[in-house]
Amino acid sequence: MPDVLIVEDSESNAVMLEIAFLGIPGVSVRMAPTAAEALRILDGGSGAVWAMVTDLNMPRMDGYELIRRVRADQRLSGMPIIVVSADTDPATPQRVAALGVEAFFPKPFSPALVRRKLEQLLDGRTH
């Protein structure tokens, strides 16, 4: 069963994403409130995480650093990453695209649109 990892320090946003993703058949959701916790889950190898949805602005380690580390890890480099962020810098979408992110959704976001994108990415991995 594919795991999707949500990395989000705002509990309300994390829960909104979790509810949207739990509607995808056969997907289980894991949550990490910090980038450090996300790396611990990804390194733990306990069940394959197929995709990651992350915020950018988080305490201690931000989403950019998390994405860089995931992309630098050979086991994880091909994992689809979706960014959901309230970052209003007009350069942000280009910055995350340059890191090899599959999609960027500005906050406030539509959970249904994020879910649809995730479904497309997971479809590509399962067929």
N, C-alpha and C. Protein backbone atom coordinates (compact mmCIF):
# COMPACT_ATOMS: atom_id res chain seq x y z
N MET A 1 0.85 -1.19 0.00
CA MET A 1 0.00 0.00 0.00
C MET A 1 0.89 1.24 0.00
N PRO A 2 0.69 2.14 -0.95
CA PRO A 2 1.54 3.32 -0.99
C PRO A 2 1.29 4.27 0.18
N ASP A 3 2.38 4.71 0.79
CA ASP A 3 2.29 5.72 1.84
C ASP A 3 2.54 7.09 1.23
N VAL A 4 1.78 8.06 1.70
CA VAL A 4 2.02 9.45 1.33
C VAL A 4 2.40 10.17 2.62
N LEU A 5 3.51 10.90 2.56
CA LEU A 5 4.00 11.62 3.73
C LEU A 5 3.62 13.09 3.64
N ILE A 6 2.91 13.58 4.65
CA ILE A 6 2.56 15.00 4.73
C ILE A 6 3.49 15.66 5.74
N VAL A 7 4.24 16.66 5.27
CA VAL A 7 5.17 17.38 6.14
C VAL A 7 4.63 18.80 6.29
N GLU A 8 4.05 19.05 7.45
CA GLU A 8 3.32 20.31 7.65
C GLU A 8 3.26 20.63 9.14
N ASP A 9 3.73 21.83 9.51
CA ASP A 9 3.72 22.18 10.94
C ASP A 9 2.39 22.76 11.40
N SER A 10 1.52 23.11 10.46
CA SER A 10 0.18 23.58 10.84
C SER A 10 -0.76 22.38 10.89
N GLU A 11 -1.26 22.09 12.08
CA GLU A 11 -2.10 20.90 12.23
C GLU A 11 -3.36 20.98 11.39
N SER A 12 -3.96 22.18 11.29
CA SER A 12 -5.20 22.28 10.51
C SER A 12 -4.95 21.98 9.04
N ASN A 13 -3.84 22.49 8.49
CA ASN A 13 -3.52 22.19 7.09
C ASN A 13 -3.20 20.71 6.91
N ALA A 14 -2.46 20.14 7.85
CA ALA A 14 -2.09 18.72 7.76
C ALA A 14 -3.34 17.85 7.77
N VAL A 15 -4.29 18.16 8.65
CA VAL A 15 -5.51 17.36 8.75
C VAL A 15 -6.35 17.51 7.49
N MET A 16 -6.41 18.73 6.93
CA MET A 16 -7.16 18.96 5.70
C MET A 16 -6.60 18.10 4.56
N LEU A 17 -5.28 18.05 4.45
CA LEU A 17 -4.64 17.22 3.42
C LEU A 17 -4.89 15.74 3.70
N GLU A 18 -4.74 15.34 4.97
CA GLU A 18 -4.93 13.94 5.32
C GLU A 18 -6.34 13.47 4.94
N ILE A 19 -7.35 14.27 5.25
CA ILE A 19 -8.73 13.91 4.92
C ILE A 19 -8.89 13.76 3.41
N ALA A 20 -8.30 14.69 2.65
CA ALA A 20 -8.40 14.62 1.18
C ALA A 20 -7.72 13.36 0.66
N PHE A 21 -6.53 13.03 1.19
CA PHE A 21 -5.77 11.89 0.67
C PHE A 21 -6.35 10.55 1.09
N LEU A 22 -7.01 10.50 2.25
CA LEU A 22 -7.58 9.23 2.70
C LEU A 22 -8.71 8.79 1.79
N GLY A 23 -9.20 9.70 0.96
CA GLY A 23 -10.23 9.34 -0.02
C GLY A 23 -9.66 8.62 -1.23
N ILE A 24 -8.34 8.54 -1.35
CA ILE A 24 -7.72 7.84 -2.48
C ILE A 24 -7.64 6.36 -2.10
N PRO A 25 -8.24 5.49 -2.91
CA PRO A 25 -8.23 4.07 -2.55
C PRO A 25 -6.81 3.51 -2.41
N GLY A 26 -6.59 2.74 -1.33
CA GLY A 26 -5.32 2.05 -1.17
C GLY A 26 -4.16 2.89 -0.70
N VAL A 27 -4.42 4.14 -0.33
CA VAL A 27 -3.33 5.01 0.12
C VAL A 27 -3.39 5.16 1.63
N SER A 28 -2.23 5.08 2.28
CA SER A 28 -2.20 5.41 3.70
C SER A 28 -1.36 6.67 3.87
N VAL A 29 -1.69 7.43 4.90
CA VAL A 29 -1.09 8.74 5.11
C VAL A 29 -0.23 8.72 6.36
N ARG A 30 0.97 9.28 6.24
CA ARG A 30 1.83 9.46 7.42
C ARG A 30 2.05 10.96 7.59
N MET A 31 2.20 11.38 8.84
CA MET A 31 2.34 12.81 9.12
C MET A 31 3.67 13.09 9.80
N ALA A 32 4.26 14.22 9.42
CA ALA A 32 5.47 14.69 10.10
C ALA A 32 5.32 16.19 10.31
N PRO A 33 5.41 16.65 11.57
CA PRO A 33 5.25 18.08 11.84
C PRO A 33 6.52 18.89 11.52
N THR A 34 7.65 18.20 11.32
CA THR A 34 8.90 18.90 11.02
C THR A 34 9.65 18.17 9.91
N ALA A 35 10.56 18.89 9.25
CA ALA A 35 11.39 18.30 8.20
C ALA A 35 12.29 17.21 8.79
N ALA A 36 12.78 17.43 10.01
CA ALA A 36 13.65 16.44 10.65
C ALA A 36 12.89 15.13 10.87
N GLU A 37 11.66 15.23 11.31
CA GLU A 37 10.82 14.04 11.52
C GLU A 37 10.55 13.36 10.17
N ALA A 38 10.34 14.14 9.13
CA ALA A 38 10.10 13.58 7.79
C ALA A 38 11.32 12.77 7.34
N LEU A 39 12.50 13.31 7.55
CA LEU A 39 13.73 12.59 7.16
C LEU A 39 13.88 11.31 7.97
N ARG A 40 13.49 11.35 9.24
CA ARG A 40 13.56 10.15 10.08
C ARG A 40 12.63 9.06 9.53
N ILE A 41 11.43 9.45 9.13
CA ILE A 41 10.48 8.50 8.55
C ILE A 41 11.02 7.95 7.24
N LEU A 42 11.55 8.84 6.40
CA LEU A 42 12.07 8.41 5.09
C LEU A 42 13.29 7.51 5.24
N ASP A 43 14.13 7.80 6.23
CA ASP A 43 15.33 6.98 6.46
C ASP A 43 15.00 5.65 7.11
N GLY A 44 13.88 5.63 7.86
CA GLY A 44 13.52 4.44 8.60
C GLY A 44 13.19 3.25 7.72
N GLY A 45 12.80 3.54 6.48
CA GLY A 45 12.49 2.48 5.55
C GLY A 45 11.33 1.58 5.98
N SER A 46 10.54 2.03 6.97
CA SER A 46 9.41 1.21 7.43
C SER A 46 8.24 1.47 6.50
N GLY A 47 8.13 0.67 5.45
CA GLY A 47 7.07 0.91 4.47
C GLY A 47 7.48 2.01 3.52
N ALA A 48 7.34 1.74 2.25
CA ALA A 48 7.81 2.70 1.25
C ALA A 48 6.90 3.93 1.22
N VAL A 49 7.52 5.10 1.33
CA VAL A 49 6.78 6.34 1.10
C VAL A 49 6.87 6.61 -0.39
N TRP A 50 5.73 6.70 -1.04
CA TRP A 50 5.68 6.86 -2.50
C TRP A 50 5.69 8.32 -2.92
N ALA A 51 5.19 9.19 -2.07
CA ALA A 51 5.11 10.61 -2.43
C ALA A 51 5.13 11.44 -1.16
N MET A 52 5.58 12.70 -1.32
CA MET A 52 5.66 13.60 -0.17
C MET A 52 4.98 14.91 -0.54
N VAL A 53 4.19 15.42 0.41
CA VAL A 53 3.58 16.73 0.27
C VAL A 53 4.13 17.56 1.41
N THR A 54 4.80 18.67 1.07
CA THR A 54 5.48 19.43 2.13
C THR A 54 5.19 20.92 2.07
N ASP A 55 5.23 21.52 3.24
CA ASP A 55 5.20 22.97 3.39
C ASP A 55 6.64 23.46 3.20
N LEU A 56 6.83 24.76 3.01
CA LEU A 56 8.19 25.30 2.91
C LEU A 56 8.64 25.96 4.21
N ASN A 57 7.73 26.71 4.83
CA ASN A 57 8.10 27.48 6.02
C ASN A 57 7.83 26.68 7.28
N MET A 58 8.90 26.06 7.78
CA MET A 58 8.79 25.25 8.99
C MET A 58 9.94 25.61 9.92
N PRO A 59 9.77 25.34 11.22
CA PRO A 59 10.85 25.65 12.17
C PRO A 59 12.10 24.80 11.92
N ARG A 60 13.24 25.34 12.29
CA ARG A 60 14.54 24.67 12.19
C ARG A 60 14.96 24.36 10.75
N MET A 61 14.45 23.29 10.16
CA MET A 61 14.81 23.00 8.77
C MET A 61 13.62 23.31 7.87
N ASP A 62 13.84 24.13 6.84
CA ASP A 62 12.70 24.48 5.98
C ASP A 62 12.49 23.44 4.88
N GLY A 63 11.41 23.63 4.14
CA GLY A 63 11.05 22.68 3.09
C GLY A 63 12.07 22.61 1.96
N TYR A 64 12.74 23.74 1.68
CA TYR A 64 13.76 23.73 0.63
C TYR A 64 14.88 22.74 0.97
N GLU A 65 15.33 22.82 2.21
CA GLU A 65 16.42 21.93 2.65
C GLU A 65 15.95 20.48 2.64
N LEU A 66 14.72 20.24 3.08
CA LEU A 66 14.15 18.89 3.07
C LEU A 66 14.13 18.35 1.63
N ILE A 67 13.64 19.15 0.69
CA ILE A 67 13.57 18.71 -0.71
C ILE A 67 14.97 18.43 -1.25
N ARG A 68 15.92 19.32 -0.94
CA ARG A 68 17.32 19.10 -1.40
C ARG A 68 17.86 17.76 -0.88
N ARG A 69 17.59 17.48 0.39
CA ARG A 69 18.10 16.22 0.98
C ARG A 69 17.44 15.00 0.36
N VAL A 70 16.14 15.09 0.10
CA VAL A 70 15.42 13.96 -0.52
C VAL A 70 15.96 13.74 -1.94
N ARG A 71 16.13 14.81 -2.68
CA ARG A 71 16.61 14.70 -4.07
C ARG A 71 18.05 14.19 -4.12
N ALA A 72 18.82 14.44 -3.06
CA ALA A 72 20.22 14.00 -3.03
C ALA A 72 20.36 12.54 -2.62
N ASP A 73 19.30 11.96 -2.08
CA ASP A 73 19.32 10.57 -1.62
C ASP A 73 18.90 9.67 -2.78
N GLN A 74 19.78 8.79 -3.21
CA GLN A 74 19.50 7.97 -4.39
C GLN A 74 18.24 7.13 -4.26
N ARG A 75 17.96 6.65 -3.04
CA ARG A 75 16.77 5.82 -2.86
C ARG A 75 15.49 6.64 -3.01
N LEU A 76 15.59 7.93 -2.75
CA LEU A 76 14.38 8.78 -2.71
C LEU A 76 14.29 9.76 -3.87
N SER A 77 15.35 9.83 -4.68
CA SER A 77 15.45 10.92 -5.65
C SER A 77 14.30 10.96 -6.66
N GLY A 78 13.68 9.79 -6.92
CA GLY A 78 12.59 9.78 -7.88
C GLY A 78 11.20 9.96 -7.28
N MET A 79 11.15 10.12 -5.95
CA MET A 79 9.85 10.24 -5.28
C MET A 79 9.16 11.55 -5.66
N PRO A 80 7.89 11.48 -6.07
CA PRO A 80 7.17 12.72 -6.37
C PRO A 80 7.02 13.60 -5.13
N ILE A 81 7.22 14.90 -5.33
CA ILE A 81 7.08 15.87 -4.24
C ILE A 81 6.12 16.97 -4.68
N ILE A 82 5.15 17.25 -3.81
CA ILE A 82 4.23 18.37 -4.03
C ILE A 82 4.48 19.37 -2.90
N VAL A 83 4.56 20.65 -3.27
CA VAL A 83 4.76 21.70 -2.28
C VAL A 83 3.45 22.47 -2.10
N VAL A 84 3.06 22.67 -0.85
CA VAL A 84 1.90 23.49 -0.51
C VAL A 84 2.42 24.57 0.43
N SER A 85 2.38 25.83 -0.01
CA SER A 85 3.02 26.86 0.81
C SER A 85 2.30 28.20 0.76
N ALA A 86 2.40 28.92 1.88
CA ALA A 86 1.84 30.27 1.95
C ALA A 86 2.89 31.31 1.54
N ASP A 87 4.05 30.85 1.10
CA ASP A 87 5.12 31.74 0.68
C ASP A 87 4.62 32.63 -0.46
N THR A 88 4.69 33.94 -0.28
CA THR A 88 4.14 34.85 -1.29
C THR A 88 5.21 35.39 -2.23
N ASP A 89 6.45 34.97 -2.06
CA ASP A 89 7.52 35.41 -2.94
C ASP A 89 7.21 34.92 -4.36
N PRO A 90 7.16 35.85 -5.34
CA PRO A 90 6.83 35.43 -6.70
C PRO A 90 7.86 34.45 -7.30
N ALA A 91 9.05 34.39 -6.73
CA ALA A 91 10.07 33.48 -7.25
C ALA A 91 9.93 32.05 -6.72
N THR A 92 9.07 31.86 -5.70
CA THR A 92 8.96 30.55 -5.06
C THR A 92 8.61 29.42 -6.03
N PRO A 93 7.59 29.57 -6.90
CA PRO A 93 7.29 28.45 -7.81
C PRO A 93 8.49 28.04 -8.66
N GLN A 94 9.28 29.02 -9.15
CA GLN A 94 10.47 28.70 -9.93
C GLN A 94 11.53 28.04 -9.06
N ARG A 95 11.67 28.52 -7.83
CA ARG A 95 12.68 27.94 -6.93
C ARG A 95 12.40 26.47 -6.65
N VAL A 96 11.13 26.15 -6.36
CA VAL A 96 10.82 24.75 -6.07
C VAL A 96 10.88 23.90 -7.33
N ALA A 97 10.51 24.48 -8.47
CA ALA A 97 10.60 23.73 -9.74
C ALA A 97 12.05 23.38 -10.04
N ALA A 98 12.95 24.30 -9.72
CA ALA A 98 14.38 24.06 -9.96
C ALA A 98 14.91 22.92 -9.09
N LEU A 99 14.24 22.65 -7.97
CA LEU A 99 14.63 21.54 -7.09
C LEU A 99 14.03 20.21 -7.55
N GLY A 100 13.23 20.26 -8.62
CA GLY A 100 12.67 19.02 -9.15
C GLY A 100 11.35 18.61 -8.51
N VAL A 101 10.58 19.61 -8.08
CA VAL A 101 9.29 19.34 -7.47
C VAL A 101 8.22 19.18 -8.57
N GLU A 102 7.31 18.25 -8.37
CA GLU A 102 6.30 17.97 -9.40
C GLU A 102 5.17 19.01 -9.45
N ALA A 103 4.85 19.62 -8.31
CA ALA A 103 3.74 20.58 -8.31
C ALA A 103 3.88 21.55 -7.15
N PHE A 104 3.32 22.75 -7.34
CA PHE A 104 3.33 23.78 -6.31
C PHE A 104 1.91 24.33 -6.17
N PHE A 105 1.41 24.33 -4.94
CA PHE A 105 0.08 24.89 -4.66
C PHE A 105 0.22 25.99 -3.61
N PRO A 106 -0.15 27.23 -3.96
CA PRO A 106 -0.10 28.30 -2.95
C PRO A 106 -1.25 28.15 -1.96
N LYS A 107 -0.99 28.52 -0.69
CA LYS A 107 -2.07 28.54 0.32
C LYS A 107 -2.78 29.89 0.20
N PRO A 108 -4.08 29.96 0.43
CA PRO A 108 -4.96 28.83 0.73
C PRO A 108 -5.10 27.92 -0.50
N PHE A 109 -5.08 26.62 -0.26
CA PHE A 109 -5.10 25.67 -1.36
C PHE A 109 -6.41 24.89 -1.37
N SER A 110 -6.67 24.26 -2.50
CA SER A 110 -7.84 23.39 -2.61
C SER A 110 -7.38 21.96 -2.36
N PRO A 111 -7.82 21.34 -1.24
CA PRO A 111 -7.42 19.96 -0.99
C PRO A 111 -7.77 19.04 -2.15
N ALA A 112 -8.90 19.31 -2.83
CA ALA A 112 -9.32 18.47 -3.96
C ALA A 112 -8.33 18.54 -5.11
N LEU A 113 -7.79 19.74 -5.38
CA LEU A 113 -6.82 19.88 -6.46
C LEU A 113 -5.50 19.20 -6.12
N VAL A 114 -5.07 19.33 -4.86
CA VAL A 114 -3.83 18.68 -4.43
C VAL A 114 -4.02 17.16 -4.53
N ARG A 115 -5.18 16.69 -4.10
CA ARG A 115 -5.47 15.25 -4.16
C ARG A 115 -5.43 14.76 -5.61
N ARG A 116 -6.03 15.53 -6.52
CA ARG A 116 -6.07 15.12 -7.93
C ARG A 116 -4.65 14.99 -8.49
N LYS A 117 -3.81 15.97 -8.15
CA LYS A 117 -2.42 15.93 -8.62
C LYS A 117 -1.70 14.72 -8.04
N LEU A 118 -1.92 14.46 -6.76
CA LEU A 118 -1.30 13.31 -6.10
C LEU A 118 -1.74 12.01 -6.78
N GLU A 119 -3.03 11.91 -7.08
CA GLU A 119 -3.54 10.71 -7.75
C GLU A 119 -2.85 10.50 -9.09
N GLN A 120 -2.65 11.58 -9.84
CA GLN A 120 -1.96 11.48 -11.15
C GLN A 120 -0.53 10.96 -10.94
N LEU A 121 0.16 11.50 -9.94
CA LEU A 121 1.55 11.10 -9.68
C LEU A 121 1.62 9.65 -9.23
N LEU A 122 0.69 9.23 -8.37
CA LEU A 122 0.69 7.84 -7.89
C LEU A 122 0.34 6.88 -9.03
N ASP A 123 -0.56 7.31 -9.90
CA ASP A 123 -0.93 6.50 -11.07
C ASP A 123 0.30 6.19 -11.91
N GLY A 124 1.13 7.21 -12.09
CA GLY A 124 2.33 7.03 -12.89
C GLY A 124 3.29 6.02 -12.26
N ARG A 125 3.23 5.89 -10.94
CA ARG A 125 4.14 4.97 -10.24
C ARG A 125 3.61 3.55 -10.16
N THR A 126 2.29 3.40 -10.24
CA THR A 126 1.73 2.07 -10.03
C THR A 126 1.53 1.30 -11.34
N HIS A 127 1.64 1.98 -12.47
CA HIS A 127 1.41 1.29 -13.76
C HIS A 127 2.70 1.09 -14.51
